N, C-alpha and C. Protein backbone atom coordinates (compact mmCIF):
# COMPACT_ATOMS: atom_id res chain seq x y z
N UNK A 1 -24.73 -18.38 13.96
CA UNK A 1 -24.04 -18.08 15.19
C UNK A 1 -23.98 -16.56 15.39
N UNK A 2 -24.22 -16.14 16.60
CA UNK A 2 -24.26 -14.72 16.93
C UNK A 2 -22.86 -14.13 16.98
N UNK A 3 -22.77 -12.85 16.58
CA UNK A 3 -21.51 -12.13 16.68
C UNK A 3 -21.31 -11.49 18.06
N UNK A 4 -22.34 -11.58 18.90
CA UNK A 4 -22.26 -10.99 20.23
C UNK A 4 -21.27 -11.77 21.09
N UNK A 5 -20.35 -11.05 21.70
CA UNK A 5 -19.41 -11.69 22.61
C UNK A 5 -20.13 -12.06 23.90
N UNK A 6 -19.62 -13.11 24.57
CA UNK A 6 -20.24 -13.59 25.80
C UNK A 6 -19.22 -13.63 26.93
N UNK A 7 -19.68 -13.22 28.12
CA UNK A 7 -18.87 -13.29 29.33
C UNK A 7 -19.62 -14.13 30.36
N UNK A 8 -18.96 -15.15 30.88
CA UNK A 8 -19.51 -16.00 31.93
C UNK A 8 -18.68 -15.79 33.19
N UNK A 9 -19.37 -15.55 34.30
CA UNK A 9 -18.68 -15.33 35.58
C UNK A 9 -19.25 -16.29 36.62
N UNK A 10 -18.36 -16.88 37.40
CA UNK A 10 -18.76 -17.69 38.55
C UNK A 10 -18.38 -16.89 39.79
N UNK A 11 -19.38 -16.57 40.62
CA UNK A 11 -19.16 -15.79 41.84
C UNK A 11 -19.34 -16.71 43.05
N UNK A 12 -18.28 -16.87 43.84
CA UNK A 12 -18.31 -17.81 44.97
C UNK A 12 -18.15 -17.15 46.32
N UNK A 13 -17.90 -15.86 46.36
CA UNK A 13 -17.62 -15.18 47.63
C UNK A 13 -18.78 -14.25 48.00
N UNK A 14 -19.04 -14.10 49.28
CA UNK A 14 -20.17 -13.31 49.72
C UNK A 14 -19.80 -12.19 50.68
N UNK A 15 -18.59 -11.66 50.56
CA UNK A 15 -18.19 -10.55 51.42
C UNK A 15 -18.24 -9.25 50.63
N UNK A 16 -18.22 -8.14 51.34
CA UNK A 16 -18.32 -6.83 50.71
C UNK A 16 -17.21 -6.63 49.67
N UNK A 17 -15.99 -6.95 50.04
CA UNK A 17 -14.87 -6.71 49.11
C UNK A 17 -14.93 -7.64 47.89
N UNK A 18 -15.45 -8.83 48.06
CA UNK A 18 -15.55 -9.77 46.93
C UNK A 18 -16.83 -9.58 46.12
N UNK A 19 -17.72 -8.71 46.57
CA UNK A 19 -18.96 -8.45 45.84
C UNK A 19 -18.72 -7.54 44.63
N UNK A 20 -17.72 -6.70 44.72
CA UNK A 20 -17.49 -5.73 43.65
C UNK A 20 -17.03 -6.35 42.32
N UNK A 21 -16.04 -7.23 42.30
CA UNK A 21 -15.54 -7.71 41.01
C UNK A 21 -16.60 -8.30 40.05
N UNK A 22 -17.48 -9.20 40.49
CA UNK A 22 -18.42 -9.74 39.51
C UNK A 22 -19.37 -8.70 38.95
N UNK A 23 -19.85 -7.79 39.81
CA UNK A 23 -20.80 -6.79 39.34
C UNK A 23 -20.13 -5.71 38.48
N UNK A 24 -18.94 -5.30 38.83
CA UNK A 24 -18.23 -4.30 38.02
C UNK A 24 -17.88 -4.88 36.65
N UNK A 25 -17.34 -6.09 36.64
CA UNK A 25 -16.97 -6.71 35.37
C UNK A 25 -18.19 -7.00 34.51
N UNK A 26 -19.26 -7.48 35.12
CA UNK A 26 -20.48 -7.80 34.38
C UNK A 26 -21.12 -6.54 33.79
N UNK A 27 -21.23 -5.49 34.60
CA UNK A 27 -21.87 -4.26 34.10
C UNK A 27 -21.02 -3.60 33.02
N UNK A 28 -19.72 -3.66 33.17
CA UNK A 28 -18.83 -3.09 32.13
C UNK A 28 -18.95 -3.87 30.84
N UNK A 29 -18.92 -5.20 30.93
CA UNK A 29 -19.04 -6.03 29.73
C UNK A 29 -20.39 -5.80 29.05
N UNK A 30 -21.45 -5.71 29.85
CA UNK A 30 -22.78 -5.46 29.27
C UNK A 30 -22.81 -4.11 28.54
N UNK A 31 -22.18 -3.11 29.13
CA UNK A 31 -22.12 -1.79 28.50
C UNK A 31 -21.34 -1.83 27.18
N UNK A 32 -20.41 -2.78 27.10
CA UNK A 32 -19.62 -2.94 25.87
C UNK A 32 -20.31 -3.85 24.85
N UNK A 33 -21.51 -4.30 25.18
CA UNK A 33 -22.29 -5.10 24.24
C UNK A 33 -22.19 -6.60 24.43
N UNK A 34 -21.53 -7.06 25.48
CA UNK A 34 -21.43 -8.49 25.75
C UNK A 34 -22.76 -9.02 26.28
N UNK A 35 -23.04 -10.27 26.01
CA UNK A 35 -24.09 -11.01 26.70
C UNK A 35 -23.42 -11.59 27.94
N UNK A 36 -24.02 -11.37 29.12
CA UNK A 36 -23.34 -11.72 30.37
C UNK A 36 -24.24 -12.56 31.27
N UNK A 37 -23.63 -13.58 31.87
CA UNK A 37 -24.29 -14.36 32.90
C UNK A 37 -23.35 -14.49 34.08
N UNK A 38 -23.92 -14.38 35.29
CA UNK A 38 -23.16 -14.63 36.51
C UNK A 38 -23.83 -15.80 37.23
N UNK A 39 -23.05 -16.82 37.53
CA UNK A 39 -23.52 -17.98 38.27
C UNK A 39 -23.03 -17.84 39.70
N UNK A 40 -23.97 -17.68 40.64
CA UNK A 40 -23.64 -17.47 42.04
C UNK A 40 -23.78 -18.79 42.79
N UNK A 41 -22.70 -19.24 43.40
CA UNK A 41 -22.74 -20.50 44.11
C UNK A 41 -22.09 -20.34 45.48
N UNK A 42 -22.42 -21.24 46.36
CA UNK A 42 -21.97 -21.22 47.75
C UNK A 42 -22.14 -19.82 48.34
N UNK A 43 -21.11 -19.22 48.90
CA UNK A 43 -21.29 -17.96 49.62
C UNK A 43 -21.58 -16.79 48.70
N UNK A 44 -21.37 -16.97 47.41
CA UNK A 44 -21.73 -15.93 46.45
C UNK A 44 -23.22 -15.66 46.42
N UNK A 45 -24.03 -16.63 46.89
CA UNK A 45 -25.48 -16.43 46.93
C UNK A 45 -25.87 -15.23 47.78
N UNK A 46 -25.03 -14.88 48.76
CA UNK A 46 -25.33 -13.73 49.62
C UNK A 46 -25.51 -12.45 48.79
N UNK A 47 -24.87 -12.38 47.65
CA UNK A 47 -24.91 -11.18 46.81
C UNK A 47 -26.25 -11.02 46.09
N UNK A 48 -27.06 -12.06 46.09
CA UNK A 48 -28.35 -12.02 45.41
C UNK A 48 -29.52 -11.80 46.35
N UNK A 49 -29.25 -11.75 47.64
CA UNK A 49 -30.34 -11.58 48.59
C UNK A 49 -30.92 -10.17 48.50
N UNK A 50 -32.22 -10.08 48.73
CA UNK A 50 -32.88 -8.76 48.70
C UNK A 50 -32.29 -7.85 49.77
N UNK A 51 -32.10 -8.38 50.94
CA UNK A 51 -31.53 -7.61 52.04
C UNK A 51 -30.06 -7.98 52.18
N UNK A 52 -29.19 -7.03 51.90
CA UNK A 52 -27.76 -7.29 51.98
C UNK A 52 -27.21 -6.89 53.35
N UNK A 53 -26.35 -7.73 53.87
CA UNK A 53 -25.62 -7.42 55.10
C UNK A 53 -24.19 -7.91 54.89
N UNK A 54 -23.53 -7.34 53.91
CA UNK A 54 -22.20 -7.79 53.53
C UNK A 54 -21.16 -7.20 54.46
N UNK A 55 -20.23 -8.03 54.86
CA UNK A 55 -19.17 -7.65 55.78
C UNK A 55 -17.82 -7.81 55.08
N UNK A 56 -16.80 -7.26 55.69
CA UNK A 56 -15.43 -7.45 55.23
C UNK A 56 -14.58 -7.72 56.46
N UNK A 57 -13.55 -8.50 56.29
CA UNK A 57 -12.64 -8.78 57.39
C UNK A 57 -11.22 -8.81 56.87
N UNK A 58 -10.32 -8.41 57.71
CA UNK A 58 -8.91 -8.48 57.32
C UNK A 58 -8.32 -9.85 57.66
N UNK A 59 -9.01 -10.63 58.48
CA UNK A 59 -8.51 -11.97 58.82
C UNK A 59 -8.41 -12.82 57.56
N UNK A 60 -7.30 -13.46 57.37
CA UNK A 60 -7.12 -14.28 56.18
C UNK A 60 -6.88 -13.47 54.93
N UNK A 61 -6.74 -12.17 55.06
CA UNK A 61 -6.51 -11.31 53.91
C UNK A 61 -5.34 -10.37 54.21
N UNK A 62 -4.13 -10.89 54.14
CA UNK A 62 -2.97 -10.07 54.48
C UNK A 62 -2.75 -8.90 53.51
N UNK A 63 -3.42 -8.92 52.38
CA UNK A 63 -3.25 -7.83 51.41
C UNK A 63 -4.08 -6.60 51.76
N UNK A 64 -5.02 -6.74 52.69
CA UNK A 64 -5.85 -5.60 53.07
C UNK A 64 -5.01 -4.56 53.79
N UNK A 65 -4.91 -3.40 53.17
CA UNK A 65 -4.12 -2.33 53.77
C UNK A 65 -4.89 -1.67 54.90
N UNK A 66 -4.18 -1.38 55.96
CA UNK A 66 -4.77 -0.77 57.14
C UNK A 66 -4.15 0.60 57.33
N UNK A 67 -4.92 1.57 57.85
CA UNK A 67 -4.35 2.89 58.09
C UNK A 67 -3.25 2.85 59.14
N UNK A 68 -3.37 1.91 60.07
CA UNK A 68 -2.32 1.68 61.06
C UNK A 68 -2.12 0.18 61.18
N UNK A 69 -0.92 -0.28 61.45
CA UNK A 69 -0.71 -1.74 61.59
C UNK A 69 -1.53 -2.30 62.77
N UNK A 70 -2.27 -3.38 62.49
CA UNK A 70 -3.08 -4.03 63.51
C UNK A 70 -2.67 -5.49 63.58
N UNK A 71 -2.18 -5.95 64.72
CA UNK A 71 -1.78 -7.36 64.83
C UNK A 71 -2.97 -8.29 64.57
N UNK A 72 -2.69 -9.46 64.03
CA UNK A 72 -3.73 -10.43 63.70
C UNK A 72 -4.59 -10.77 64.91
N UNK A 73 -3.97 -10.91 66.06
CA UNK A 73 -4.73 -11.23 67.27
C UNK A 73 -5.79 -10.17 67.56
N UNK A 74 -5.45 -8.91 67.38
CA UNK A 74 -6.40 -7.82 67.61
C UNK A 74 -7.53 -7.87 66.57
N UNK A 75 -7.20 -8.26 65.34
CA UNK A 75 -8.20 -8.34 64.28
C UNK A 75 -9.27 -9.38 64.60
N UNK A 76 -8.95 -10.36 65.42
CA UNK A 76 -9.89 -11.41 65.77
C UNK A 76 -10.82 -11.03 66.93
N UNK A 77 -10.61 -9.89 67.54
CA UNK A 77 -11.44 -9.47 68.68
C UNK A 77 -12.87 -9.17 68.23
N UNK A 78 -13.84 -9.39 69.12
CA UNK A 78 -15.23 -9.05 68.80
C UNK A 78 -15.35 -7.58 68.40
N UNK A 79 -16.14 -7.33 67.40
CA UNK A 79 -16.37 -5.97 66.93
C UNK A 79 -15.44 -5.50 65.84
N UNK A 80 -14.33 -6.21 65.63
CA UNK A 80 -13.37 -5.78 64.62
C UNK A 80 -13.93 -5.92 63.20
N UNK A 81 -14.71 -6.97 62.96
CA UNK A 81 -15.29 -7.14 61.62
C UNK A 81 -16.23 -5.99 61.29
N UNK A 82 -17.03 -5.58 62.26
CA UNK A 82 -17.92 -4.42 62.04
C UNK A 82 -17.10 -3.15 61.81
N UNK A 83 -16.02 -3.01 62.58
CA UNK A 83 -15.14 -1.85 62.41
C UNK A 83 -14.52 -1.84 61.01
N UNK A 84 -14.01 -3.00 60.57
CA UNK A 84 -13.40 -3.11 59.24
C UNK A 84 -14.43 -2.83 58.14
N UNK A 85 -15.63 -3.35 58.32
CA UNK A 85 -16.69 -3.13 57.34
C UNK A 85 -17.02 -1.64 57.25
N UNK A 86 -17.16 -1.00 58.39
CA UNK A 86 -17.43 0.43 58.41
C UNK A 86 -16.33 1.23 57.74
N UNK A 87 -15.09 0.83 58.01
CA UNK A 87 -13.94 1.49 57.39
C UNK A 87 -13.99 1.37 55.87
N UNK A 88 -14.30 0.16 55.39
CA UNK A 88 -14.35 -0.08 53.94
C UNK A 88 -15.50 0.70 53.30
N UNK A 89 -16.66 0.70 53.94
CA UNK A 89 -17.81 1.43 53.38
C UNK A 89 -17.53 2.92 53.32
N UNK A 90 -16.88 3.45 54.34
CA UNK A 90 -16.53 4.87 54.36
C UNK A 90 -15.57 5.19 53.22
N UNK A 91 -14.57 4.34 53.02
CA UNK A 91 -13.59 4.54 51.94
C UNK A 91 -14.28 4.50 50.58
N UNK A 92 -15.17 3.52 50.37
CA UNK A 92 -15.89 3.40 49.11
C UNK A 92 -16.72 4.66 48.85
N UNK A 93 -17.40 5.14 49.89
CA UNK A 93 -18.22 6.33 49.75
C UNK A 93 -17.36 7.57 49.46
N UNK A 94 -16.25 7.71 50.17
CA UNK A 94 -15.35 8.85 49.94
C UNK A 94 -14.82 8.89 48.52
N UNK A 95 -14.58 7.72 47.95
CA UNK A 95 -14.03 7.64 46.60
C UNK A 95 -15.12 7.64 45.52
N UNK A 96 -16.38 7.71 45.94
CA UNK A 96 -17.48 7.77 44.98
C UNK A 96 -17.77 6.46 44.27
N UNK A 97 -17.43 5.35 44.90
CA UNK A 97 -17.68 4.04 44.31
C UNK A 97 -19.14 3.67 44.53
N UNK A 98 -19.78 3.18 43.49
CA UNK A 98 -21.18 2.77 43.58
C UNK A 98 -21.34 1.67 44.63
N UNK A 99 -22.51 1.64 45.24
CA UNK A 99 -22.81 0.58 46.22
C UNK A 99 -23.09 -0.73 45.47
N UNK A 100 -23.05 -1.82 46.20
CA UNK A 100 -23.38 -3.12 45.61
C UNK A 100 -24.82 -3.10 45.10
N UNK A 101 -25.71 -2.50 45.86
CA UNK A 101 -27.11 -2.41 45.42
C UNK A 101 -27.21 -1.68 44.08
N UNK A 102 -26.46 -0.59 43.93
CA UNK A 102 -26.48 0.15 42.67
C UNK A 102 -25.90 -0.67 41.53
N UNK A 103 -24.79 -1.34 41.79
CA UNK A 103 -24.17 -2.16 40.74
C UNK A 103 -25.07 -3.32 40.33
N UNK A 104 -25.74 -3.93 41.29
CA UNK A 104 -26.69 -5.00 40.96
C UNK A 104 -27.80 -4.48 40.07
N UNK A 105 -28.34 -3.31 40.42
CA UNK A 105 -29.42 -2.72 39.63
C UNK A 105 -28.95 -2.40 38.22
N UNK A 106 -27.74 -1.90 38.09
CA UNK A 106 -27.18 -1.63 36.75
C UNK A 106 -27.11 -2.93 35.96
N UNK A 107 -26.69 -4.00 36.60
CA UNK A 107 -26.62 -5.31 35.92
C UNK A 107 -28.00 -5.78 35.49
N UNK A 108 -28.98 -5.64 36.37
CA UNK A 108 -30.35 -6.05 36.02
C UNK A 108 -30.86 -5.23 34.83
N UNK A 109 -30.65 -3.92 34.88
CA UNK A 109 -31.09 -3.05 33.78
C UNK A 109 -30.38 -3.37 32.48
N UNK A 110 -29.13 -3.85 32.58
CA UNK A 110 -28.35 -4.19 31.38
C UNK A 110 -28.61 -5.63 30.92
N UNK A 111 -29.58 -6.28 31.56
CA UNK A 111 -29.99 -7.64 31.20
C UNK A 111 -28.89 -8.69 31.44
N UNK A 112 -28.07 -8.45 32.45
CA UNK A 112 -27.13 -9.47 32.89
C UNK A 112 -27.97 -10.55 33.58
N UNK A 113 -27.78 -11.79 33.18
CA UNK A 113 -28.53 -12.88 33.78
C UNK A 113 -27.85 -13.29 35.08
N UNK A 114 -28.61 -13.22 36.19
CA UNK A 114 -28.11 -13.58 37.51
C UNK A 114 -28.70 -14.94 37.87
N UNK A 115 -27.85 -15.95 37.98
CA UNK A 115 -28.31 -17.31 38.22
C UNK A 115 -27.83 -17.79 39.58
N UNK A 116 -28.78 -18.21 40.42
CA UNK A 116 -28.46 -18.79 41.72
C UNK A 116 -28.34 -20.30 41.55
N UNK A 117 -27.28 -20.87 42.11
CA UNK A 117 -27.06 -22.31 42.05
C UNK A 117 -28.13 -23.02 42.88
N UNK A 118 -28.99 -23.76 42.23
CA UNK A 118 -30.09 -24.43 42.93
C UNK A 118 -29.59 -25.42 43.96
N UNK A 119 -28.53 -26.15 43.65
CA UNK A 119 -27.98 -27.11 44.61
C UNK A 119 -27.55 -26.42 45.90
N UNK A 120 -26.91 -25.25 45.77
CA UNK A 120 -26.45 -24.52 46.95
C UNK A 120 -27.62 -23.92 47.71
N UNK A 121 -28.64 -23.44 46.99
CA UNK A 121 -29.85 -22.94 47.63
C UNK A 121 -30.45 -24.04 48.51
N UNK A 122 -30.54 -25.25 47.95
CA UNK A 122 -31.08 -26.39 48.69
C UNK A 122 -30.16 -26.78 49.85
N UNK A 123 -28.87 -26.80 49.60
CA UNK A 123 -27.89 -27.19 50.61
C UNK A 123 -27.99 -26.32 51.86
N UNK A 124 -28.13 -25.01 51.67
CA UNK A 124 -28.17 -24.08 52.79
C UNK A 124 -29.58 -23.75 53.26
N UNK A 125 -30.58 -24.51 52.77
CA UNK A 125 -31.98 -24.30 53.16
C UNK A 125 -32.42 -22.86 52.96
N UNK A 126 -32.02 -22.28 51.84
CA UNK A 126 -32.43 -20.91 51.52
C UNK A 126 -33.78 -20.95 50.81
N UNK A 127 -34.43 -19.80 50.72
CA UNK A 127 -35.76 -19.71 50.12
C UNK A 127 -35.74 -18.72 48.97
N UNK A 128 -36.43 -19.04 47.90
CA UNK A 128 -36.44 -18.18 46.71
C UNK A 128 -36.93 -16.77 47.03
N UNK A 129 -37.77 -16.65 48.05
CA UNK A 129 -38.30 -15.33 48.43
C UNK A 129 -37.22 -14.41 49.00
N UNK A 130 -36.11 -14.99 49.45
CA UNK A 130 -35.02 -14.19 50.01
C UNK A 130 -34.23 -13.44 48.93
N UNK A 131 -34.37 -13.89 47.70
CA UNK A 131 -33.56 -13.36 46.61
C UNK A 131 -34.29 -12.30 45.81
N UNK A 132 -33.52 -11.54 45.06
CA UNK A 132 -34.10 -10.55 44.14
C UNK A 132 -35.08 -11.26 43.22
N UNK A 133 -36.17 -10.61 42.85
CA UNK A 133 -37.16 -11.27 41.99
C UNK A 133 -36.65 -11.60 40.59
N UNK A 134 -35.60 -10.93 40.15
CA UNK A 134 -35.07 -11.16 38.80
C UNK A 134 -34.09 -12.34 38.73
N UNK A 135 -33.76 -12.92 39.88
CA UNK A 135 -32.80 -14.02 39.92
C UNK A 135 -33.43 -15.27 39.31
N UNK A 136 -32.62 -15.97 38.51
CA UNK A 136 -33.02 -17.26 37.97
C UNK A 136 -32.31 -18.34 38.76
N UNK A 137 -32.88 -19.52 38.77
CA UNK A 137 -32.30 -20.64 39.52
C UNK A 137 -31.97 -21.75 38.55
N UNK A 138 -30.79 -22.32 38.72
CA UNK A 138 -30.38 -23.41 37.85
C UNK A 138 -29.16 -24.11 38.40
N UNK A 139 -28.86 -25.23 37.83
CA UNK A 139 -27.71 -25.99 38.27
C UNK A 139 -26.49 -25.69 37.42
N UNK A 140 -25.43 -26.40 37.70
CA UNK A 140 -24.18 -26.22 36.98
C UNK A 140 -24.38 -26.45 35.49
N UNK A 141 -25.22 -27.41 35.12
CA UNK A 141 -25.45 -27.70 33.70
C UNK A 141 -26.04 -26.48 32.99
N UNK A 142 -26.91 -25.77 33.68
CA UNK A 142 -27.50 -24.54 33.12
C UNK A 142 -26.40 -23.54 32.81
N UNK A 143 -25.48 -23.38 33.74
CA UNK A 143 -24.39 -22.43 33.54
C UNK A 143 -23.45 -22.90 32.43
N UNK A 144 -23.16 -24.20 32.38
CA UNK A 144 -22.23 -24.71 31.37
C UNK A 144 -22.76 -24.54 29.95
N UNK A 145 -24.07 -24.56 29.79
CA UNK A 145 -24.63 -24.32 28.45
C UNK A 145 -24.15 -22.98 27.91
N UNK A 146 -24.16 -21.98 28.79
CA UNK A 146 -23.71 -20.64 28.39
C UNK A 146 -22.19 -20.54 28.39
N UNK A 147 -21.55 -20.99 29.47
CA UNK A 147 -20.10 -20.87 29.60
C UNK A 147 -19.36 -21.62 28.51
N UNK A 148 -19.94 -22.71 28.04
CA UNK A 148 -19.29 -23.50 26.98
C UNK A 148 -19.13 -22.73 25.69
N UNK A 149 -19.95 -21.70 25.51
CA UNK A 149 -19.87 -20.89 24.29
C UNK A 149 -19.33 -19.49 24.56
N UNK A 150 -18.97 -19.23 25.82
CA UNK A 150 -18.51 -17.89 26.19
C UNK A 150 -17.12 -17.61 25.63
N UNK A 151 -16.91 -16.35 25.29
CA UNK A 151 -15.59 -15.90 24.85
C UNK A 151 -14.65 -15.76 26.04
N UNK A 152 -15.20 -15.40 27.19
CA UNK A 152 -14.43 -15.21 28.41
C UNK A 152 -15.20 -15.85 29.56
N UNK A 153 -14.49 -16.62 30.40
CA UNK A 153 -15.08 -17.16 31.62
C UNK A 153 -14.18 -16.80 32.78
N UNK A 154 -14.76 -16.23 33.82
CA UNK A 154 -14.01 -15.79 34.98
C UNK A 154 -14.54 -16.48 36.24
N UNK A 155 -13.63 -16.86 37.11
CA UNK A 155 -13.97 -17.44 38.40
C UNK A 155 -13.56 -16.44 39.47
N UNK A 156 -14.55 -15.97 40.22
CA UNK A 156 -14.26 -14.94 41.23
C UNK A 156 -14.69 -15.47 42.59
C-alpha cells in the first residue's frame, strides 16, 4: 500500500465563483504531494471545456457582497449577470488571483487527474472534442475506485 495521501474531489458547479475551489484545493494538495482526482459532473463539466465562458450571478447567492446594495429584482434584469461577472473578474485581477485557465494548467502539470462524468457528457449531448485533451472520461464507478481509498473526499 502506498504512503501517498489521496484527495478526491467531486465538482458539480460550472460558474466562475464555483470554479475556484476545486482547482485551488487540487493544485495545493498536489503541491503537498497528494495524488489528486477531480470528478466533474453535471454543470461542473463546464470547467473542463477548452473554451471557457464562465459567469457569476448574485441571484440565489445572498452571501455575495456587493459594493452597493442591489435589490433582487434589479439583479434579475438583462445584463446584470454580465455586469456581475465583469465585477468579479476585475476583483480577481486586482487581487492577483490566478485565472481558472492558469489553475487548470497548474493542475494538469501537477498530474491531477481530471475526469469528466461520461453519463453527464451523454446526457447533455456534449462532445469529447469540446474538452481539454488531457481530460479522461469515466463513470461514477471509475471515481469510486479512487475515492474509496482516498484520505479526503470533498464535494464542491
